[in-house]
Amino acid sequence: MQYRRAITSGVSYFFTVNLADRKQSFLVDYIEQLRMSVGKVKQTHAFRIDAMVILSDHIHAIWILPEFDSAYSK
């Protein structure tokens, strides 16, 4: 199978990530660890968080990549 991927630098991406077991509430139970993890990733990868909603079983986020970066999957 061949996937198509838009390769555009400096754009916004909306994504949702959910727990495999949607009955769990790990994202809010361990919110401080999640904040620290996101902070560490931001130190090594240049992106801006425009909006982020953290619920018990999933996250909605809008991230903006810098002008020189199009590798959103990293």
PDB file of N, CA and C in Angstrom:
ATOM      1  N   MET A   1       0.847  -1.166   0.000  1.00  0.00           N
ATOM      2  CA  MET A   1       0.000   0.000   0.000  1.00  0.00           C
ATOM      3  C   MET A   1       0.900   1.240   0.000  1.00  0.00           C
ATOM      4  N   GLN A   2       0.526   2.228  -0.747  1.00  0.00           N
ATOM      5  CA  GLN A   2       1.288   3.474  -0.823  1.00  0.00           C
ATOM      6  C   GLN A   2       0.448   4.600  -0.227  1.00  0.00           C
ATOM      7  N   TYR A   3       1.049   5.325   0.728  1.00  0.00           N
ATOM      8  CA  TYR A   3       0.354   6.421   1.372  1.00  0.00           C
ATOM      9  C   TYR A   3       0.750   7.733   0.726  1.00  0.00           C
ATOM     10  N   ARG A   4      -0.190   8.645   0.678  1.00  0.00           N
ATOM     11  CA  ARG A   4       0.102  10.004   0.243  1.00  0.00           C
ATOM     12  C   ARG A   4       0.262  10.874   1.469  1.00  0.00           C
ATOM     13  N   ARG A   5       1.279  11.690   1.452  1.00  0.00           N
ATOM     14  CA  ARG A   5       1.523  12.575   2.582  1.00  0.00           C
ATOM     15  C   ARG A   5       1.848  13.965   2.050  1.00  0.00           C
ATOM     16  N   ALA A   6       1.146  14.944   2.552  1.00  0.00           N
ATOM     17  CA  ALA A   6       1.441  16.328   2.181  1.00  0.00           C
ATOM     18  C   ALA A   6       2.746  16.733   2.858  1.00  0.00           C
ATOM     19  N   ILE A   7       3.649  17.272   2.087  1.00  0.00           N
ATOM     20  CA  ILE A   7       4.928  17.711   2.630  1.00  0.00           C
ATOM     21  C   ILE A   7       4.962  19.231   2.544  1.00  0.00           C
ATOM     22  N   THR A   8       4.479  19.868   3.605  1.00  0.00           N
ATOM     23  CA  THR A   8       4.398  21.324   3.670  1.00  0.00           C
ATOM     24  C   THR A   8       4.982  21.775   4.999  1.00  0.00           C
ATOM     25  N   SER A   9       5.926  22.673   4.937  1.00  0.00           N
ATOM     26  CA  SER A   9       6.566  23.178   6.153  1.00  0.00           C
ATOM     27  C   SER A   9       5.740  24.294   6.787  1.00  0.00           C
ATOM     28  N   GLY A  10       5.850  24.416   8.105  1.00  0.00           N
ATOM     29  CA  GLY A  10       5.262  25.538   8.816  1.00  0.00           C
ATOM     30  C   GLY A  10       3.754  25.570   8.868  1.00  0.00           C
ATOM     31  N   VAL A  11       3.110  24.425   8.838  1.00  0.00           N
ATOM     32  CA  VAL A  11       1.646  24.400   8.856  1.00  0.00           C
ATOM     33  C   VAL A  11       1.136  23.838  10.182  1.00  0.00           C
ATOM     34  N   SER A  12      -0.158  23.960  10.398  1.00  0.00           N
ATOM     35  CA  SER A  12      -0.808  23.453  11.601  1.00  0.00           C
ATOM     36  C   SER A  12      -1.367  22.059  11.339  1.00  0.00           C
ATOM     37  N   TYR A  13      -1.289  21.208  12.347  1.00  0.00           N
ATOM     38  CA  TYR A  13      -1.865  19.871  12.267  1.00  0.00           C
ATOM     39  C   TYR A  13      -2.787  19.662  13.456  1.00  0.00           C
ATOM     40  N   PHE A  14      -3.988  19.164  13.181  1.00  0.00           N
ATOM     41  CA  PHE A  14      -4.927  18.765  14.228  1.00  0.00           C
ATOM     42  C   PHE A  14      -4.869  17.258  14.316  1.00  0.00           C
ATOM     43  N   PHE A  15      -4.747  16.747  15.515  1.00  0.00           N
ATOM     44  CA  PHE A  15      -4.781  15.299  15.662  1.00  0.00           C
ATOM     45  C   PHE A  15      -5.438  14.913  16.982  1.00  0.00           C
ATOM     46  N   THR A  16      -5.893  13.682  17.016  1.00  0.00           N
ATOM     47  CA  THR A  16      -6.481  13.088  18.208  1.00  0.00           C
ATOM     48  C   THR A  16      -5.735  11.795  18.490  1.00  0.00           C
ATOM     49  N   VAL A  17      -5.395  11.599  19.737  1.00  0.00           N
ATOM     50  CA  VAL A  17      -4.748  10.364  20.179  1.00  0.00           C
ATOM     51  C   VAL A  17      -5.575   9.820  21.327  1.00  0.00           C
ATOM     52  N   ASN A  18      -5.892   8.534  21.273  1.00  0.00           N
ATOM     53  CA  ASN A  18      -6.677   7.965  22.361  1.00  0.00           C
ATOM     54  C   ASN A  18      -6.005   6.731  22.924  1.00  0.00           C
ATOM     55  N   LEU A  19      -6.343   6.428  24.159  1.00  0.00           N
ATOM     56  CA  LEU A  19      -5.833   5.233  24.822  1.00  0.00           C
ATOM     57  C   LEU A  19      -6.390   3.997  24.141  1.00  0.00           C
ATOM     58  N   ALA A  20      -5.626   2.936  24.152  1.00  0.00           N
ATOM     59  CA  ALA A  20      -6.110   1.668  23.596  1.00  0.00           C
ATOM     60  C   ALA A  20      -7.334   1.180  24.384  1.00  0.00           C
ATOM     61  N   ASP A  21      -7.284   1.343  25.694  1.00  0.00           N
ATOM     62  CA  ASP A  21      -8.419   0.977  26.550  1.00  0.00           C
ATOM     63  C   ASP A  21      -9.118   2.266  26.962  1.00  0.00           C
ATOM     64  N   ARG A  22     -10.178   2.601  26.269  1.00  0.00           N
ATOM     65  CA  ARG A  22     -10.860   3.876  26.476  1.00  0.00           C
ATOM     66  C   ARG A  22     -11.560   3.966  27.839  1.00  0.00           C
ATOM     67  N   LYS A  23     -11.604   2.872  28.585  1.00  0.00           N
ATOM     68  CA  LYS A  23     -12.214   2.902  29.919  1.00  0.00           C
ATOM     69  C   LYS A  23     -11.244   3.417  30.982  1.00  0.00           C
ATOM     70  N   GLN A  24      -9.975   3.511  30.638  1.00  0.00           N
ATOM     71  CA  GLN A  24      -8.955   3.996  31.568  1.00  0.00           C
ATOM     72  C   GLN A  24      -8.936   5.524  31.591  1.00  0.00           C
ATOM     73  N   SER A  25      -8.296   6.072  32.597  1.00  0.00           N
ATOM     74  CA  SER A  25      -8.202   7.534  32.722  1.00  0.00           C
ATOM     75  C   SER A  25      -6.751   7.962  32.978  1.00  0.00           C
ATOM     76  N   PHE A  26      -5.812   7.265  32.362  1.00  0.00           N
ATOM     77  CA  PHE A  26      -4.389   7.509  32.611  1.00  0.00           C
ATOM     78  C   PHE A  26      -3.953   8.926  32.274  1.00  0.00           C
ATOM     79  N   LEU A  27      -4.548   9.527  31.245  1.00  0.00           N
ATOM     80  CA  LEU A  27      -4.097  10.848  30.813  1.00  0.00           C
ATOM     81  C   LEU A  27      -4.323  11.915  31.881  1.00  0.00           C
ATOM     82  N   VAL A  28      -5.405  11.831  32.616  1.00  0.00           N
ATOM     83  CA  VAL A  28      -5.637  12.795  33.693  1.00  0.00           C
ATOM     84  C   VAL A  28      -5.072  12.289  35.022  1.00  0.00           C
ATOM     85  N   ASP A  29      -4.994  10.973  35.196  1.00  0.00           N
ATOM     86  CA  ASP A  29      -4.405  10.428  36.422  1.00  0.00           C
ATOM     87  C   ASP A  29      -2.920  10.757  36.514  1.00  0.00           C
ATOM     88  N   TYR A  30      -2.260  10.821  35.368  1.00  0.00           N
ATOM     89  CA  TYR A  30      -0.821  11.082  35.310  1.00  0.00           C
ATOM     90  C   TYR A  30      -0.537  12.364  34.516  1.00  0.00           C
ATOM     91  N   ILE A  31      -1.324  13.400  34.760  1.00  0.00           N
ATOM     92  CA  ILE A  31      -1.229  14.647  34.001  1.00  0.00           C
ATOM     93  C   ILE A  31       0.142  15.311  34.154  1.00  0.00           C
ATOM     94  N   GLU A  32       0.732  15.270  35.329  1.00  0.00           N
ATOM     95  CA  GLU A  32       2.055  15.900  35.513  1.00  0.00           C
ATOM     96  C   GLU A  32       3.123  15.186  34.694  1.00  0.00           C
ATOM     97  N   GLN A  33       3.067  13.870  34.643  1.00  0.00           N
ATOM     98  CA  GLN A  33       4.026  13.118  33.832  1.00  0.00           C
ATOM     99  C   GLN A  33       3.823  13.418  32.344  1.00  0.00           C
ATOM    100  N   LEU A  34       2.582  13.563  31.937  1.00  0.00           N
ATOM    101  CA  LEU A  34       2.292  13.913  30.548  1.00  0.00           C
ATOM    102  C   LEU A  34       2.859  15.289  30.215  1.00  0.00           C
ATOM    103  N   ARG A  35       2.660  16.253  31.103  1.00  0.00           N
ATOM    104  CA  ARG A  35       3.206  17.609  30.885  1.00  0.00           C
ATOM    105  C   ARG A  35       4.720  17.581  30.770  1.00  0.00           C
ATOM    106  N   MET A  36       5.368  16.825  31.654  1.00  0.00           N
ATOM    107  CA  MET A  36       6.835  16.736  31.612  1.00  0.00           C
ATOM    108  C   MET A  36       7.298  16.073  30.314  1.00  0.00           C
ATOM    109  N   SER A  37       6.600  15.044  29.870  1.00  0.00           N
ATOM    110  CA  SER A  37       6.972  14.354  28.634  1.00  0.00           C
ATOM    111  C   SER A  37       6.840  15.269  27.425  1.00  0.00           C
ATOM    112  N   VAL A  38       5.742  15.998  27.348  1.00  0.00           N
ATOM    113  CA  VAL A  38       5.554  16.927  26.237  1.00  0.00           C
ATOM    114  C   VAL A  38       6.627  18.017  26.287  1.00  0.00           C
ATOM    115  N   GLY A  39       6.955  18.491  27.468  1.00  0.00           N
ATOM    116  CA  GLY A  39       8.005  19.494  27.613  1.00  0.00           C
ATOM    117  C   GLY A  39       9.358  18.994  27.127  1.00  0.00           C
ATOM    118  N   LYS A  40       9.690  17.744  27.425  1.00  0.00           N
ATOM    119  CA  LYS A  40      10.953  17.161  26.964  1.00  0.00           C
ATOM    120  C   LYS A  40      10.979  17.034  25.448  1.00  0.00           C
ATOM    121  N   VAL A  41       9.875  16.630  24.867  1.00  0.00           N
ATOM    122  CA  VAL A  41       9.810  16.507  23.410  1.00  0.00           C
ATOM    123  C   VAL A  41       9.975  17.882  22.764  1.00  0.00           C
ATOM    124  N   LYS A  42       9.364  18.913  23.353  1.00  0.00           N
ATOM    125  CA  LYS A  42       9.492  20.271  22.809  1.00  0.00           C
ATOM    126  C   LYS A  42      10.929  20.784  22.863  1.00  0.00           C
ATOM    127  N   GLN A  43      11.737  20.275  23.782  1.00  0.00           N
ATOM    128  CA  GLN A  43      13.140  20.685  23.854  1.00  0.00           C
ATOM    129  C   GLN A  43      13.956  20.160  22.681  1.00  0.00           C
ATOM    130  N   THR A  44      13.573  19.016  22.143  1.00  0.00           N
ATOM    131  CA  THR A  44      14.338  18.412  21.048  1.00  0.00           C
ATOM    132  C   THR A  44      13.699  18.594  19.674  1.00  0.00           C
ATOM    133  N   HIS A  45      12.421  18.901  19.636  1.00  0.00           N
ATOM    134  CA  HIS A  45      11.720  19.102  18.357  1.00  0.00           C
ATOM    135  C   HIS A  45      11.024  20.457  18.408  1.00  0.00           C
ATOM    136  N   ALA A  46      11.336  21.279  17.434  1.00  0.00           N
ATOM    137  CA  ALA A  46      10.782  22.640  17.405  1.00  0.00           C
ATOM    138  C   ALA A  46       9.350  22.622  16.871  1.00  0.00           C
ATOM    139  N   PHE A  47       8.403  22.782  17.733  1.00  0.00           N
ATOM    140  CA  PHE A  47       7.003  22.938  17.332  1.00  0.00           C
ATOM    141  C   PHE A  47       6.313  23.783  18.379  1.00  0.00           C
ATOM    142  N   ARG A  48       5.168  24.327  18.000  1.00  0.00           N
ATOM    143  CA  ARG A  48       4.389  25.148  18.923  1.00  0.00           C
ATOM    144  C   ARG A  48       3.037  24.488  19.146  1.00  0.00           C
ATOM    145  N   ILE A  49       2.589  24.449  20.364  1.00  0.00           N
ATOM    146  CA  ILE A  49       1.259  23.934  20.667  1.00  0.00           C
ATOM    147  C   ILE A  49       0.306  25.118  20.631  1.00  0.00           C
ATOM    148  N   ASP A  50      -0.600  25.105  19.673  1.00  0.00           N
ATOM    149  CA  ASP A  50      -1.585  26.171  19.552  1.00  0.00           C
ATOM    150  C   ASP A  50      -2.775  25.915  20.454  1.00  0.00           C
ATOM    151  N   ALA A  51      -3.160  24.649  20.571  1.00  0.00           N
ATOM    152  CA  ALA A  51      -4.263  24.268  21.457  1.00  0.00           C
ATOM    153  C   ALA A  51      -4.108  22.791  21.808  1.00  0.00           C
ATOM    154  N   MET A  52      -4.540  22.442  23.018  1.00  0.00           N
ATOM    155  CA  MET A  52      -4.479  21.046  23.436  1.00  0.00           C
ATOM    156  C   MET A  52      -5.552  20.816  24.493  1.00  0.00           C
ATOM    157  N   VAL A  53      -6.332  19.785  24.284  1.00  0.00           N
ATOM    158  CA  VAL A  53      -7.370  19.402  25.238  1.00  0.00           C
ATOM    159  C   VAL A  53      -7.061  17.987  25.690  1.00  0.00           C
ATOM    160  N   ILE A  54      -6.911  17.823  26.992  1.00  0.00           N
ATOM    161  CA  ILE A  54      -6.588  16.511  27.547  1.00  0.00           C
ATOM    162  C   ILE A  54      -7.803  16.020  28.322  1.00  0.00           C
ATOM    163  N   LEU A  55      -8.352  14.934  27.859  1.00  0.00           N
ATOM    164  CA  LEU A  55      -9.487  14.297  28.532  1.00  0.00           C
ATOM    165  C   LEU A  55      -9.006  12.984  29.138  1.00  0.00           C
ATOM    166  N   SER A  56      -9.855  12.316  29.858  1.00  0.00           N
ATOM    167  CA  SER A  56      -9.416  11.122  30.583  1.00  0.00           C
ATOM    168  C   SER A  56      -8.872  10.027  29.665  1.00  0.00           C
ATOM    169  N   ASP A  57      -9.415   9.896  28.465  1.00  0.00           N
ATOM    170  CA  ASP A  57      -9.011   8.789  27.590  1.00  0.00           C
ATOM    171  C   ASP A  57      -8.485   9.215  26.225  1.00  0.00           C
ATOM    172  N   HIS A  58      -8.443  10.527  25.942  1.00  0.00           N
ATOM    173  CA  HIS A  58      -7.896  10.974  24.664  1.00  0.00           C
ATOM    174  C   HIS A  58      -7.444  12.431  24.713  1.00  0.00           C
ATOM    175  N   ILE A  59      -6.650  12.788  23.713  1.00  0.00           N
ATOM    176  CA  ILE A  59      -6.101  14.138  23.587  1.00  0.00           C
ATOM    177  C   ILE A  59      -6.468  14.681  22.212  1.00  0.00           C
ATOM    178  N   HIS A  60      -6.895  15.933  22.165  1.00  0.00           N
ATOM    179  CA  HIS A  60      -7.041  16.679  20.915  1.00  0.00           C
ATOM    180  C   HIS A  60      -5.956  17.754  20.933  1.00  0.00           C
ATOM    181  N   ALA A  61      -5.282  17.947  19.812  1.00  0.00           N
ATOM    182  CA  ALA A  61      -4.221  18.939  19.800  1.00  0.00           C
ATOM    183  C   ALA A  61      -4.080  19.592  18.433  1.00  0.00           C
ATOM    184  N   ILE A  62      -3.645  20.841  18.452  1.00  0.00           N
ATOM    185  CA  ILE A  62      -3.246  21.555  17.244  1.00  0.00           C
ATOM    186  C   ILE A  62      -1.810  21.980  17.466  1.00  0.00           C
ATOM    187  N   TRP A  63      -0.926  21.439  16.656  1.00  0.00           N
ATOM    188  CA  TRP A  63       0.494  21.765  16.737  1.00  0.00           C
ATOM    189  C   TRP A  63       0.896  22.463  15.456  1.00  0.00           C
ATOM    190  N   ILE A  64       1.807  23.407  15.580  1.00  0.00           N
ATOM    191  CA  ILE A  64       2.299  24.155  14.432  1.00  0.00           C
ATOM    192  C   ILE A  64       3.794  23.874  14.289  1.00  0.00           C
ATOM    193  N   LEU A  65       4.160  23.396  13.105  1.00  0.00           N
ATOM    194  CA  LEU A  65       5.567  23.127  12.828  1.00  0.00           C
ATOM    195  C   LEU A  65       6.265  24.402  12.386  1.00  0.00           C
ATOM    196  N   PRO A  66       7.571  24.485  12.612  1.00  0.00           N
ATOM    197  CA  PRO A  66       8.314  25.665  12.166  1.00  0.00           C
ATOM    198  C   PRO A  66       8.416  25.706  10.638  1.00  0.00           C
ATOM    199  N   GLU A  67       8.818  26.833  10.125  1.00  0.00           N
ATOM    200  CA  GLU A  67       8.893  27.039   8.681  1.00  0.00           C
ATOM    201  C   GLU A  67       9.792  26.040   7.965  1.00  0.00           C
ATOM    202  N   PHE A  68      10.790  25.521   8.637  1.00  0.00           N
ATOM    203  CA  PHE A  68      11.772  24.643   7.998  1.00  0.00           C
ATOM    204  C   PHE A  68      11.444  23.154   8.169  1.00  0.00           C
ATOM    205  N   ASP A  69      10.352  22.829   8.807  1.00  0.00           N
ATOM    206  CA  ASP A  69      10.070  21.439   9.177  1.00  0.00           C
ATOM    207  C   ASP A  69       8.744  20.977   8.577  1.00  0.00           C
ATOM    208  N   SER A  70       8.768  19.793   7.940  1.00  0.00           N
ATOM    209  CA  SER A  70       7.530  19.219   7.424  1.00  0.00           C
ATOM    210  C   SER A  70       7.321  17.796   7.954  1.00  0.00           C
ATOM    211  N   ALA A  71       8.150  17.368   8.890  1.00  0.00           N
ATOM    212  CA  ALA A  71       8.106  15.986   9.406  1.00  0.00           C
ATOM    213  C   ALA A  71       7.179  15.894  10.616  1.00  0.00           C
ATOM    214  N   TYR A  72       5.887  16.031  10.377  1.00  0.00           N
ATOM    215  CA  TYR A  72       4.940  16.023  11.491  1.00  0.00           C
ATOM    216  C   TYR A  72       4.865  14.671  12.191  1.00  0.00           C
ATOM    217  N   SER A  73       5.192  13.592  11.504  1.00  0.00           N
ATOM    218  CA  SER A  73       5.073  12.276  12.135  1.00  0.00           C
ATOM    219  C   SER A  73       6.144  12.010  13.182  1.00  0.00           C
ATOM    220  N   LYS A  74       7.214  12.813  13.179  1.00  0.00           N
ATOM    221  CA  LYS A  74       8.235  12.664  14.232  1.00  0.00           C
ATOM    222  C   LYS A  74       7.677  13.150  15.546  1.00  0.00           C
TER     223      LYS A  74
END
